[in-house]
Amino acid sequence: MESSRMTITAAADDTRMALAGRISAGVFVVLWCSGYPAGKLAVQHGAPFTVLFLRFVSAAAIFAILALLARASWPDWRVLGRSAVVGLLSLALSFGGIYEGLRLGVSTGVSALFIGAMPLATALFGLAFGERLSRRQWLGFALGFIGVVLVLEGRLGGSTEHAADANLGLGYLASLVGLIGLSLGTLYQKRYSSTVDLRVGLATQHVAAALALLPLVVFVDHFRADWSSTYVGALSWLIVVNSVGGFALLFALLRRGAATKVAALFYLMPPITALMGFVVLDEHLSLAMLPGFVLVALGVWLGTQQSDAGSARAR
């Protein structure tokens, strides 16, 4: 009888943990996607690397204060160095590449396509880090990627980009660098730096990213910003909601599951961002995107289903 009660209690705990994980994942997706319209507004009123620098410095200060108030344990320099590497990859290289691509003429839709391809890139890089994928997961990633393309094809229907633009090729290359940085940073965080206190790790990562971007802010951007109410509001949203809330949730999720499972959430980013862009920025949205939405949802389900089963067997 006692054994049966313990089994029921353990099953209930597992159910609650799974529900909490799904809710956290949903909140993370919404918070992360909100950074696209906020970032677009901020860049319209200030230079891109300056926006990122101010965002990273402010977030670093917030996380450092939270760590000090909580009297969090600070690890040795070697462990902090690993967190700094995550910051250079997931923050400076990733966001720097995407924002530089936008500056060179890449549309927000194409930028979202690059980030939407993160699950495939993470899965491929993850093979070198010892992660394994089932055929069903590969099928899910493939369907999700096709869905991203379909969604963005409809979104880009009214684009005025011209392939002849000499800067556009460099913009695509910069966006690709951003994708690689985010994918490698996700895997590195999971494998080498997931045991650091969350506040300490994020403070270190944001400091490293800010220092890496500082030369670009000084010599390229020259700290350009109009400091309008729109700029301040968008920047504040990026700092508090995206950098603090979004990344805290991201790394909390990474501690609870495989990197490829967390990365699969990024397939949801382009369609949700398209919806936000339609509501907030009056961007193009059409019925032609609906098949893409369906494929994205199916791809995410397939890409994460196997991991859930594996977790259940491990327990």
C-alpha atoms as a PDB file:
ATOM      1  CA  MET A   1       0.000   0.000   0.000  1.00  0.00           C
ATOM      2  CA  GLU A   2       2.776   2.399   0.954  1.00  0.00           C
ATOM      3  CA  SER A   3       4.609   1.542  -2.233  1.00  0.00           C
ATOM      4  CA  SER A   4       1.485   2.287  -4.291  1.00  0.00           C
ATOM      5  CA  ARG A   5       1.045   5.686  -2.636  1.00  0.00           C
ATOM      6  CA  MET A   6       4.698   6.524  -3.306  1.00  0.00           C
ATOM      7  CA  THR A   7       4.278   5.521  -6.957  1.00  0.00           C
ATOM      8  CA  ILE A   8       1.157   7.699  -7.326  1.00  0.00           C
ATOM      9  CA  THR A   9       2.919  10.636  -5.647  1.00  0.00           C
ATOM     10  CA  ALA A  10       5.947  10.259  -7.903  1.00  0.00           C
ATOM     11  CA  ALA A  11       3.702  10.130 -10.988  1.00  0.00           C
ATOM     12  CA  ALA A  12       1.871  13.265  -9.831  1.00  0.00           C
ATOM     13  CA  ASP A  13       5.177  15.042  -9.284  1.00  0.00           C
ATOM     14  CA  ASP A  14       6.319  14.072 -12.769  1.00  0.00           C
ATOM     15  CA  THR A  15       3.071  15.391 -14.236  1.00  0.00           C
ATOM     16  CA  ARG A  16       3.424  18.703 -12.400  1.00  0.00           C
ATOM     17  CA  MET A  17       7.048  19.032 -13.498  1.00  0.00           C
ATOM     18  CA  ALA A  18       6.118  18.296 -17.128  1.00  0.00           C
ATOM     19  CA  LEU A  19       3.296  20.865 -17.016  1.00  0.00           C
ATOM     20  CA  ALA A  20       5.572  23.465 -15.437  1.00  0.00           C
ATOM     21  CA  GLY A  21       8.151  22.778 -18.125  1.00  0.00           C
ATOM     22  CA  ARG A  22       5.629  23.265 -20.945  1.00  0.00           C
ATOM     23  CA  ILE A  23       4.344  26.502 -19.391  1.00  0.00           C
ATOM     24  CA  SER A  24       7.904  27.786 -18.987  1.00  0.00           C
ATOM     25  CA  ALA A  25       8.646  26.897 -22.617  1.00  0.00           C
ATOM     26  CA  GLY A  26       5.540  28.746 -23.806  1.00  0.00           C
ATOM     27  CA  VAL A  27       6.392  31.854 -21.799  1.00  0.00           C
ATOM     28  CA  PHE A  28       9.957  31.729 -23.092  1.00  0.00           C
ATOM     29  CA  VAL A  29       8.789  31.622 -26.725  1.00  0.00           C
ATOM     30  CA  VAL A  30       6.494  34.645 -26.240  1.00  0.00           C
ATOM     31  CA  LEU A  31       9.162  36.656 -24.416  1.00  0.00           C
ATOM     32  CA  TRP A  32      11.827  35.847 -26.995  1.00  0.00           C
ATOM     33  CA  CYS A  33       9.570  36.697 -29.938  1.00  0.00           C
ATOM     34  CA  SER A  34       8.627  40.052 -28.412  1.00  0.00           C
ATOM     35  CA  GLY A  35      12.250  41.087 -28.863  1.00  0.00           C
ATOM     36  CA  TYR A  36      11.847  41.256 -32.642  1.00  0.00           C
ATOM     37  CA  PRO A  37       9.351  44.157 -32.765  1.00  0.00           C
ATOM     38  CA  ALA A  38      11.081  45.813 -29.797  1.00  0.00           C
ATOM     39  CA  GLY A  39      14.467  45.444 -31.479  1.00  0.00           C
ATOM     40  CA  LYS A  40      13.155  46.800 -34.762  1.00  0.00           C
ATOM     41  CA  LEU A  41      11.765  49.869 -32.994  1.00  0.00           C
ATOM     42  CA  ALA A  42      15.022  50.403 -31.099  1.00  0.00           C
ATOM     43  CA  VAL A  43      17.201  50.131 -34.214  1.00  0.00           C
ATOM     44  CA  GLN A  44      15.017  52.686 -35.978  1.00  0.00           C
ATOM     45  CA  HIS A  45      16.057  55.228 -33.315  1.00  0.00           C
ATOM     46  CA  GLY A  46      19.612  54.147 -32.490  1.00  0.00           C
ATOM     47  CA  ALA A  47      22.640  52.362 -33.957  1.00  0.00           C
ATOM     48  CA  PRO A  48      22.395  48.542 -33.660  1.00  0.00           C
ATOM     49  CA  PHE A  49      25.594  47.770 -31.753  1.00  0.00           C
ATOM     50  CA  THR A  50      24.840  50.633 -29.390  1.00  0.00           C
ATOM     51  CA  VAL A  51      21.424  49.112 -28.689  1.00  0.00           C
ATOM     52  CA  LEU A  52      23.045  45.771 -27.947  1.00  0.00           C
ATOM     53  CA  PHE A  53      25.808  47.279 -25.813  1.00  0.00           C
ATOM     54  CA  LEU A  54      23.357  49.199 -23.631  1.00  0.00           C
ATOM     55  CA  ARG A  55      21.155  46.116 -23.385  1.00  0.00           C
ATOM     56  CA  PHE A  56      24.038  43.868 -22.332  1.00  0.00           C
ATOM     57  CA  VAL A  57      25.560  46.317 -19.848  1.00  0.00           C
ATOM     58  CA  SER A  58      22.214  46.955 -18.170  1.00  0.00           C
ATOM     59  CA  ALA A  59      21.345  43.266 -17.988  1.00  0.00           C
ATOM     60  CA  ALA A  60      24.800  42.468 -16.578  1.00  0.00           C
ATOM     61  CA  ALA A  61      24.281  45.023 -13.813  1.00  0.00           C
ATOM     62  CA  ILE A  62      20.853  43.598 -12.970  1.00  0.00           C
ATOM     63  CA  PHE A  63      22.102  40.017 -12.778  1.00  0.00           C
ATOM     64  CA  ALA A  64      25.166  41.042 -10.745  1.00  0.00           C
ATOM     65  CA  ILE A  65      22.976  42.883  -8.220  1.00  0.00           C
ATOM     66  CA  LEU A  66      20.641  39.900  -7.963  1.00  0.00           C
ATOM     67  CA  ALA A  67      23.635  37.596  -7.387  1.00  0.00           C
ATOM     68  CA  LEU A  68      25.038  39.861  -4.657  1.00  0.00           C
ATOM     69  CA  LEU A  69      21.675  40.217  -2.908  1.00  0.00           C
ATOM     70  CA  ALA A  70      21.230  36.448  -2.926  1.00  0.00           C
ATOM     71  CA  ARG A  71      24.850  35.947  -1.813  1.00  0.00           C
ATOM     72  CA  ALA A  72      25.309  33.551  -4.680  1.00  0.00           C
ATOM     73  CA  SER A  73      28.492  31.536  -4.838  1.00  0.00           C
ATOM     74  CA  TRP A  74      30.988  32.809  -7.404  1.00  0.00           C
ATOM     75  CA  PRO A  75      33.049  30.032  -9.014  1.00  0.00           C
ATOM     76  CA  ASP A  76      36.725  30.166  -9.915  1.00  0.00           C
ATOM     77  CA  TRP A  77      38.064  31.985 -12.962  1.00  0.00           C
ATOM     78  CA  ARG A  78      38.089  28.868 -15.117  1.00  0.00           C
ATOM     79  CA  VAL A  79      34.330  28.347 -14.657  1.00  0.00           C
ATOM     80  CA  LEU A  80      33.654  32.047 -15.162  1.00  0.00           C
ATOM     81  CA  GLY A  81      35.706  31.836 -18.343  1.00  0.00           C
ATOM     82  CA  ARG A  82      33.344  29.187 -19.674  1.00  0.00           C
ATOM     83  CA  SER A  83      30.378  31.469 -18.977  1.00  0.00           C
ATOM     84  CA  ALA A  84      32.209  34.234 -20.812  1.00  0.00           C
ATOM     85  CA  VAL A  85      32.553  31.955 -23.844  1.00  0.00           C
ATOM     86  CA  VAL A  86      28.788  31.401 -23.787  1.00  0.00           C
ATOM     87  CA  GLY A  87      28.297  35.167 -23.717  1.00  0.00           C
ATOM     88  CA  LEU A  88      30.614  35.682 -26.667  1.00  0.00           C
ATOM     89  CA  LEU A  89      28.779  33.034 -28.717  1.00  0.00           C
ATOM     90  CA  SER A  90      25.114  33.357 -27.685  1.00  0.00           C
ATOM     91  CA  LEU A  91      25.085  37.121 -27.166  1.00  0.00           C
ATOM     92  CA  ALA A  92      27.859  39.043 -28.894  1.00  0.00           C
ATOM     93  CA  LEU A  93      28.332  36.842 -31.964  1.00  0.00           C
ATOM     94  CA  SER A  94      24.685  35.850 -32.371  1.00  0.00           C
ATOM     95  CA  PHE A  95      22.977  39.195 -31.836  1.00  0.00           C
ATOM     96  CA  GLY A  96      25.873  41.105 -33.350  1.00  0.00           C
ATOM     97  CA  GLY A  97      25.599  39.054 -36.542  1.00  0.00           C
ATOM     98  CA  ILE A  98      21.828  39.398 -36.793  1.00  0.00           C
ATOM     99  CA  TYR A  99      21.865  43.139 -36.105  1.00  0.00           C
ATOM    100  CA  GLU A 100      24.716  43.716 -38.540  1.00  0.00           C
ATOM    101  CA  GLY A 101      22.737  41.814 -41.146  1.00  0.00           C
ATOM    102  CA  LEU A 102      19.772  44.099 -40.552  1.00  0.00           C
ATOM    103  CA  ARG A 103      22.034  47.128 -40.923  1.00  0.00           C
ATOM    104  CA  LEU A 104      23.309  45.813 -44.261  1.00  0.00           C
ATOM    105  CA  GLY A 105      19.797  45.434 -45.640  1.00  0.00           C
ATOM    106  CA  VAL A 106      18.587  41.964 -44.620  1.00  0.00           C
ATOM    107  CA  SER A 107      14.860  42.072 -43.817  1.00  0.00           C
ATOM    108  CA  THR A 108      13.502  41.055 -40.436  1.00  0.00           C
ATOM    109  CA  GLY A 109      11.792  38.100 -42.127  1.00  0.00           C
ATOM    110  CA  VAL A 110      15.062  36.704 -43.458  1.00  0.00           C
ATOM    111  CA  SER A 111      16.690  37.284 -40.063  1.00  0.00           C
ATOM    112  CA  ALA A 112      13.909  35.287 -38.439  1.00  0.00           C
ATOM    113  CA  LEU A 113      14.464  32.536 -41.010  1.00  0.00           C
ATOM    114  CA  PHE A 114      18.103  32.245 -39.982  1.00  0.00           C
ATOM    115  CA  ILE A 115      17.191  32.000 -36.299  1.00  0.00           C
ATOM    116  CA  GLY A 116      14.360  29.603 -37.160  1.00  0.00           C
ATOM    117  CA  ALA A 117      16.988  27.288 -38.655  1.00  0.00           C
ATOM    118  CA  MET A 118      18.686  27.025 -35.257  1.00  0.00           C
ATOM    119  CA  PRO A 119      17.260  23.554 -34.425  1.00  0.00           C
ATOM    120  CA  LEU A 120      18.832  22.047 -37.541  1.00  0.00           C
ATOM    121  CA  ALA A 121      22.156  23.763 -36.903  1.00  0.00           C
ATOM    122  CA  THR A 122      22.106  22.770 -33.229  1.00  0.00           C
ATOM    123  CA  ALA A 123      21.235  19.187 -34.101  1.00  0.00           C
ATOM    124  CA  LEU A 124      24.110  18.977 -36.575  1.00  0.00           C
ATOM    125  CA  PHE A 125      26.610  20.564 -34.192  1.00  0.00           C
ATOM    126  CA  GLY A 126      25.186  18.481 -31.348  1.00  0.00           C
ATOM    127  CA  LEU A 127      26.333  15.282 -33.047  1.00  0.00           C
ATOM    128  CA  ALA A 128      29.900  16.389 -32.420  1.00  0.00           C
ATOM    129  CA  PHE A 129      29.034  16.948 -28.747  1.00  0.00           C
ATOM    130  CA  GLY A 130      27.687  13.424 -28.302  1.00  0.00           C
ATOM    131  CA  GLU A 131      23.934  14.053 -28.688  1.00  0.00           C
ATOM    132  CA  ARG A 132      21.958  11.535 -30.728  1.00  0.00           C
ATOM    133  CA  LEU A 133      18.772  11.998 -32.735  1.00  0.00           C
ATOM    134  CA  SER A 134      16.117   9.498 -33.803  1.00  0.00           C
ATOM    135  CA  ARG A 135      14.670   9.338 -37.295  1.00  0.00           C
ATOM    136  CA  ARG A 136      11.446  10.851 -35.962  1.00  0.00           C
ATOM    137  CA  GLN A 137      13.368  13.818 -34.566  1.00  0.00           C
ATOM    138  CA  TRP A 138      15.132  14.364 -37.884  1.00  0.00           C
ATOM    139  CA  LEU A 139      11.741  14.227 -39.626  1.00  0.00           C
ATOM    140  CA  GLY A 140      10.368  16.760 -37.139  1.00  0.00           C
ATOM    141  CA  PHE A 141      13.264  19.120 -37.701  1.00  0.00           C
ATOM    142  CA  ALA A 142      12.863  18.814 -41.479  1.00  0.00           C
ATOM    143  CA  LEU A 143       9.105  19.496 -41.375  1.00  0.00           C
ATOM    144  CA  GLY A 144       9.636  22.399 -38.996  1.00  0.00           C
ATOM    145  CA  PHE A 145      12.201  23.959 -41.280  1.00  0.00           C
ATOM    146  CA  ILE A 146       9.899  23.605 -44.286  1.00  0.00           C
ATOM    147  CA  GLY A 147       7.161  25.257 -42.242  1.00  0.00           C
ATOM    148  CA  VAL A 148       9.473  28.153 -41.363  1.00  0.00           C
ATOM    149  CA  VAL A 149      10.251  28.641 -45.053  1.00  0.00           C
ATOM    150  CA  LEU A 150       6.547  28.613 -45.994  1.00  0.00           C
ATOM    151  CA  VAL A 151       5.658  31.118 -43.280  1.00  0.00           C
ATOM    152  CA  LEU A 152       8.446  33.465 -44.241  1.00  0.00           C
ATOM    153  CA  GLU A 153       7.750  33.037 -47.953  1.00  0.00           C
ATOM    154  CA  GLY A 154       4.351  34.569 -47.341  1.00  0.00           C
ATOM    155  CA  ARG A 155       5.837  37.176 -45.063  1.00  0.00           C
ATOM    156  CA  LEU A 156       8.487  38.143 -47.606  1.00  0.00           C
ATOM    157  CA  GLY A 157       6.028  38.429 -50.453  1.00  0.00           C
ATOM    158  CA  GLY A 158       6.081  42.203 -50.269  1.00  0.00           C
ATOM    159  CA  SER A 159       9.814  42.531 -49.745  1.00  0.00           C
ATOM    160  CA  THR A 160      11.727  45.139 -51.697  1.00  0.00           C
ATOM    161  CA  GLU A 161      15.116  43.506 -51.275  1.00  0.00           C
ATOM    162  CA  HIS A 162      17.320  43.285 -54.377  1.00  0.00           C
ATOM    163  CA  ALA A 163      19.900  40.528 -54.798  1.00  0.00           C
ATOM    164  CA  ALA A 164      22.062  42.975 -56.754  1.00  0.00           C
ATOM    165  CA  ASP A 165      22.662  45.033 -53.627  1.00  0.00           C
ATOM    166  CA  ALA A 166      26.368  44.582 -52.931  1.00  0.00           C
ATOM    167  CA  ASN A 167      25.879  44.792 -49.162  1.00  0.00           C
ATOM    168  CA  LEU A 168      23.108  42.212 -49.049  1.00  0.00           C
ATOM    169  CA  GLY A 169      25.433  39.249 -49.516  1.00  0.00           C
ATOM    170  CA  LEU A 170      27.527  40.426 -46.577  1.00  0.00           C
ATOM    171  CA  GLY A 171      24.306  40.858 -44.621  1.00  0.00           C
ATOM    172  CA  TYR A 172      23.337  37.236 -45.238  1.00  0.00           C
ATOM    173  CA  LEU A 173      26.821  36.125 -44.216  1.00  0.00           C
ATOM    174  CA  ALA A 174      26.553  38.147 -40.998  1.00  0.00           C
ATOM    175  CA  SER A 175      23.163  36.555 -40.272  1.00  0.00           C
ATOM    176  CA  LEU A 176      24.644  33.102 -40.847  1.00  0.00           C
ATOM    177  CA  VAL A 177      27.414  33.919 -38.384  1.00  0.00           C
ATOM    178  CA  GLY A 178      24.718  34.922 -35.901  1.00  0.00           C
ATOM    179  CA  LEU A 179      22.967  31.574 -36.357  1.00  0.00           C
ATOM    180  CA  ILE A 180      26.204  29.645 -35.848  1.00  0.00           C
ATOM    181  CA  GLY A 181      26.998  31.660 -32.725  1.00  0.00           C
ATOM    182  CA  LEU A 182      23.617  30.981 -31.137  1.00  0.00           C
ATOM    183  CA  SER A 183      23.722  27.264 -31.974  1.00  0.00           C
ATOM    184  CA  LEU A 184      27.239  26.747 -30.640  1.00  0.00           C
ATOM    185  CA  GLY A 185      26.480  28.862 -27.583  1.00  0.00           C
ATOM    186  CA  THR A 186      23.428  26.735 -26.782  1.00  0.00           C
ATOM    187  CA  LEU A 187      25.432  23.514 -26.980  1.00  0.00           C
ATOM    188  CA  TYR A 188      28.404  24.916 -25.072  1.00  0.00           C
ATOM    189  CA  GLN A 189      26.092  26.214 -22.320  1.00  0.00           C
ATOM    190  CA  LYS A 190      24.462  22.821 -21.950  1.00  0.00           C
ATOM    191  CA  ARG A 191      27.720  20.849 -21.919  1.00  0.00           C
ATOM    192  CA  TYR A 192      30.190  23.048 -20.040  1.00  0.00           C
ATOM    193  CA  SER A 193      28.452  25.855 -18.207  1.00  0.00           C
ATOM    194  CA  SER A 194      25.037  24.706 -16.984  1.00  0.00           C
ATOM    195  CA  THR A 195      26.022  24.224 -13.322  1.00  0.00           C
ATOM    196  CA  VAL A 196      26.954  27.855 -12.649  1.00  0.00           C
ATOM    197  CA  ASP A 197      24.526  29.906 -10.571  1.00  0.00           C
ATOM    198  CA  LEU A 198      22.070  31.408 -13.068  1.00  0.00           C
ATOM    199  CA  ARG A 199      22.580  35.008 -11.917  1.00  0.00           C
ATOM    200  CA  VAL A 200      26.358  34.726 -11.807  1.00  0.00           C
ATOM    201  CA  GLY A 201      26.509  33.022 -15.189  1.00  0.00           C
ATOM    202  CA  LEU A 202      24.263  35.538 -16.921  1.00  0.00           C
ATOM    203  CA  ALA A 203      26.096  38.496 -15.387  1.00  0.00           C
ATOM    204  CA  THR A 204      29.391  37.098 -16.678  1.00  0.00           C
ATOM    205  CA  GLN A 205      27.973  36.358 -20.116  1.00  0.00           C
ATOM    206  CA  HIS A 206      26.536  39.843 -20.557  1.00  0.00           C
ATOM    207  CA  VAL A 207      29.761  41.511 -19.394  1.00  0.00           C
ATOM    208  CA  ALA A 208      31.782  39.452 -21.889  1.00  0.00           C
ATOM    209  CA  ALA A 209      29.350  40.300 -24.703  1.00  0.00           C
ATOM    210  CA  ALA A 210      29.354  44.016 -23.866  1.00  0.00           C
ATOM    211  CA  LEU A 211      33.154  44.161 -23.816  1.00  0.00           C
ATOM    212  CA  ALA A 212      33.328  42.339 -27.155  1.00  0.00           C
ATOM    213  CA  LEU A 213      30.967  44.871 -28.771  1.00  0.00           C
ATOM    214  CA  LEU A 214      32.509  47.977 -27.206  1.00  0.00           C
ATOM    215  CA  PRO A 215      35.037  48.614 -30.041  1.00  0.00           C
ATOM    216  CA  LEU A 216      32.219  48.442 -32.596  1.00  0.00           C
ATOM    217  CA  VAL A 217      30.114  50.837 -30.546  1.00  0.00           C
ATOM    218  CA  VAL A 218      32.974  53.356 -30.326  1.00  0.00           C
ATOM    219  CA  PHE A 219      34.436  53.139 -33.824  1.00  0.00           C
ATOM    220  CA  VAL A 220      31.413  52.089 -35.946  1.00  0.00           C
ATOM    221  CA  ASP A 221      28.261  53.295 -34.190  1.00  0.00           C
ATOM    222  CA  HIS A 222      29.753  56.273 -32.317  1.00  0.00           C
ATOM    223  CA  PHE A 223      27.041  55.749 -29.661  1.00  0.00           C
ATOM    224  CA  ARG A 224      24.319  57.036 -32.017  1.00  0.00           C
ATOM    225  CA  ALA A 225      20.811  57.230 -30.484  1.00  0.00           C
ATOM    226  CA  ASP A 226      18.067  59.851 -30.408  1.00  0.00           C
ATOM    227  CA  TRP A 227      16.905  58.894 -26.870  1.00  0.00           C
ATOM    228  CA  SER A 228      13.272  59.403 -27.814  1.00  0.00           C
ATOM    229  CA  SER A 229      10.509  57.879 -25.700  1.00  0.00           C
ATOM    230  CA  THR A 230      10.145  55.115 -28.288  1.00  0.00           C
ATOM    231  CA  TYR A 231      13.849  54.306 -28.118  1.00  0.00           C
ATOM    232  CA  VAL A 232      13.929  54.280 -24.319  1.00  0.00           C
ATOM    233  CA  GLY A 233      10.764  52.176 -24.127  1.00  0.00           C
ATOM    234  CA  ALA A 234      11.983  49.625 -26.665  1.00  0.00           C
ATOM    235  CA  LEU A 235      15.426  49.431 -25.063  1.00  0.00           C
ATOM    236  CA  SER A 236      13.883  48.977 -21.608  1.00  0.00           C
ATOM    237  CA  TRP A 237      11.745  46.138 -22.943  1.00  0.00           C
ATOM    238  CA  LEU A 238      14.791  44.457 -24.490  1.00  0.00           C
ATOM    239  CA  ILE A 239      16.706  44.724 -21.217  1.00  0.00           C
ATOM    240  CA  VAL A 240      14.066  43.683 -18.700  1.00  0.00           C
ATOM    241  CA  VAL A 241      11.847  41.318 -20.686  1.00  0.00           C
ATOM    242  CA  ASN A 242      14.247  39.769 -23.201  1.00  0.00           C
ATOM    243  CA  SER A 243      17.697  39.855 -21.632  1.00  0.00           C
ATOM    244  CA  VAL A 244      16.624  39.276 -18.031  1.00  0.00           C
ATOM    245  CA  GLY A 245      13.390  37.291 -18.384  1.00  0.00           C
ATOM    246  CA  GLY A 246      14.052  35.575 -21.698  1.00  0.00           C
ATOM    247  CA  PHE A 247      17.612  34.403 -21.112  1.00  0.00           C
ATOM    248  CA  ALA A 248      16.899  33.379 -17.528  1.00  0.00           C
ATOM    249  CA  LEU A 249      14.152  31.102 -18.830  1.00  0.00           C
ATOM    250  CA  LEU A 250      16.303  29.837 -21.703  1.00  0.00           C
ATOM    251  CA  PHE A 251      19.142  28.694 -19.476  1.00  0.00           C
ATOM    252  CA  ALA A 252      16.719  27.286 -16.909  1.00  0.00           C
ATOM    253  CA  LEU A 253      15.176  25.200 -19.700  1.00  0.00           C
ATOM    254  CA  LEU A 254      18.628  24.097 -20.868  1.00  0.00           C
ATOM    255  CA  ARG A 255      19.319  22.700 -17.425  1.00  0.00           C
ATOM    256  CA  ARG A 256      16.195  20.560 -17.619  1.00  0.00           C
ATOM    257  CA  GLY A 257      16.511  19.015 -21.086  1.00  0.00           C
ATOM    258  CA  ALA A 258      18.670  18.185 -24.081  1.00  0.00           C
ATOM    259  CA  ALA A 259      19.955  21.080 -26.131  1.00  0.00           C
ATOM    260  CA  THR A 260      18.172  19.810 -29.247  1.00  0.00           C
ATOM    261  CA  LYS A 261      14.841  19.725 -27.373  1.00  0.00           C
ATOM    262  CA  VAL A 262      15.233  23.324 -26.241  1.00  0.00           C
ATOM    263  CA  ALA A 263      16.405  24.346 -29.697  1.00  0.00           C
ATOM    264  CA  ALA A 264      13.229  22.893 -31.227  1.00  0.00           C
ATOM    265  CA  LEU A 265      11.292  25.724 -29.556  1.00  0.00           C
ATOM    266  CA  PHE A 266      12.980  28.106 -31.976  1.00  0.00           C
ATOM    267  CA  TYR A 267      10.834  26.691 -34.793  1.00  0.00           C
ATOM    268  CA  LEU A 268       7.941  28.537 -33.159  1.00  0.00           C
ATOM    269  CA  MET A 269       9.733  31.879 -33.320  1.00  0.00           C
ATOM    270  CA  PRO A 270       9.125  32.931 -36.959  1.00  0.00           C
ATOM    271  CA  PRO A 271       5.349  32.294 -37.076  1.00  0.00           C
ATOM    272  CA  ILE A 272       4.772  33.886 -33.671  1.00  0.00           C
ATOM    273  CA  THR A 273       7.025  36.783 -34.608  1.00  0.00           C
ATOM    274  CA  ALA A 274       5.024  37.199 -37.819  1.00  0.00           C
ATOM    275  CA  LEU A 275       1.852  37.470 -35.754  1.00  0.00           C
ATOM    276  CA  MET A 276       3.455  40.011 -33.424  1.00  0.00           C
ATOM    277  CA  GLY A 277       4.775  41.981 -36.378  1.00  0.00           C
ATOM    278  CA  PHE A 278       1.282  42.052 -37.876  1.00  0.00           C
ATOM    279  CA  VAL A 279      -0.290  43.300 -34.627  1.00  0.00           C
ATOM    280  CA  VAL A 280       2.444  45.673 -33.427  1.00  0.00           C
ATOM    281  CA  LEU A 281       4.130  46.857 -36.633  1.00  0.00           C
ATOM    282  CA  ASP A 282       1.409  46.213 -39.230  1.00  0.00           C
ATOM    283  CA  GLU A 283       3.706  43.853 -41.150  1.00  0.00           C
ATOM    284  CA  HIS A 284       2.505  41.611 -43.961  1.00  0.00           C
ATOM    285  CA  LEU A 285       0.533  38.513 -42.903  1.00  0.00           C
ATOM    286  CA  SER A 286      -1.482  36.282 -45.251  1.00  0.00           C
ATOM    287  CA  LEU A 287      -3.476  33.034 -45.350  1.00  0.00           C
ATOM    288  CA  ALA A 288      -0.655  31.521 -47.399  1.00  0.00           C
ATOM    289  CA  MET A 289       1.317  31.263 -44.153  1.00  0.00           C
ATOM    290  CA  LEU A 290      -1.184  28.886 -42.496  1.00  0.00           C
ATOM    291  CA  PRO A 291       0.292  25.645 -43.949  1.00  0.00           C
ATOM    292  CA  GLY A 292       3.639  26.766 -42.597  1.00  0.00           C
ATOM    293  CA  PHE A 293       2.158  27.265 -39.131  1.00  0.00           C
ATOM    294  CA  VAL A 294       0.780  23.712 -39.195  1.00  0.00           C
ATOM    295  CA  LEU A 295       4.103  22.220 -40.303  1.00  0.00           C
ATOM    296  CA  VAL A 296       5.997  24.188 -37.670  1.00  0.00           C
ATOM    297  CA  ALA A 297       3.713  22.906 -34.907  1.00  0.00           C
ATOM    298  CA  LEU A 298       3.985  19.327 -36.204  1.00  0.00           C
ATOM    299  CA  GLY A 299       7.752  19.616 -36.515  1.00  0.00           C
ATOM    300  CA  VAL A 300       8.131  20.858 -32.936  1.00  0.00           C
ATOM    301  CA  TRP A 301       5.961  18.012 -31.654  1.00  0.00           C
ATOM    302  CA  LEU A 302       7.925  15.370 -33.534  1.00  0.00           C
ATOM    303  CA  GLY A 303      11.263  16.946 -32.671  1.00  0.00           C
ATOM    304  CA  THR A 304      10.585  16.870 -28.926  1.00  0.00           C
ATOM    305  CA  GLN A 305       8.418  13.764 -28.552  1.00  0.00           C
ATOM    306  CA  GLN A 306      11.309  11.304 -28.591  1.00  0.00           C
ATOM    307  CA  SER A 307      13.189  13.264 -25.943  1.00  0.00           C
ATOM    308  CA  ASP A 308      10.147  13.182 -23.672  1.00  0.00           C
ATOM    309  CA  ALA A 309       9.940   9.430 -24.013  1.00  0.00           C
ATOM    310  CA  GLY A 310      13.634   9.105 -23.290  1.00  0.00           C
ATOM    311  CA  SER A 311      13.288  11.207 -20.171  1.00  0.00           C
ATOM    312  CA  ALA A 312      10.436   9.051 -18.956  1.00  0.00           C
ATOM    313  CA  ARG A 313      12.516   5.894 -19.376  1.00  0.00           C
ATOM    314  CA  ALA A 314      15.429   7.483 -17.546  1.00  0.00           C
ATOM    315  CA  ARG A 315      13.221   8.246 -14.572  1.00  0.00           C
END
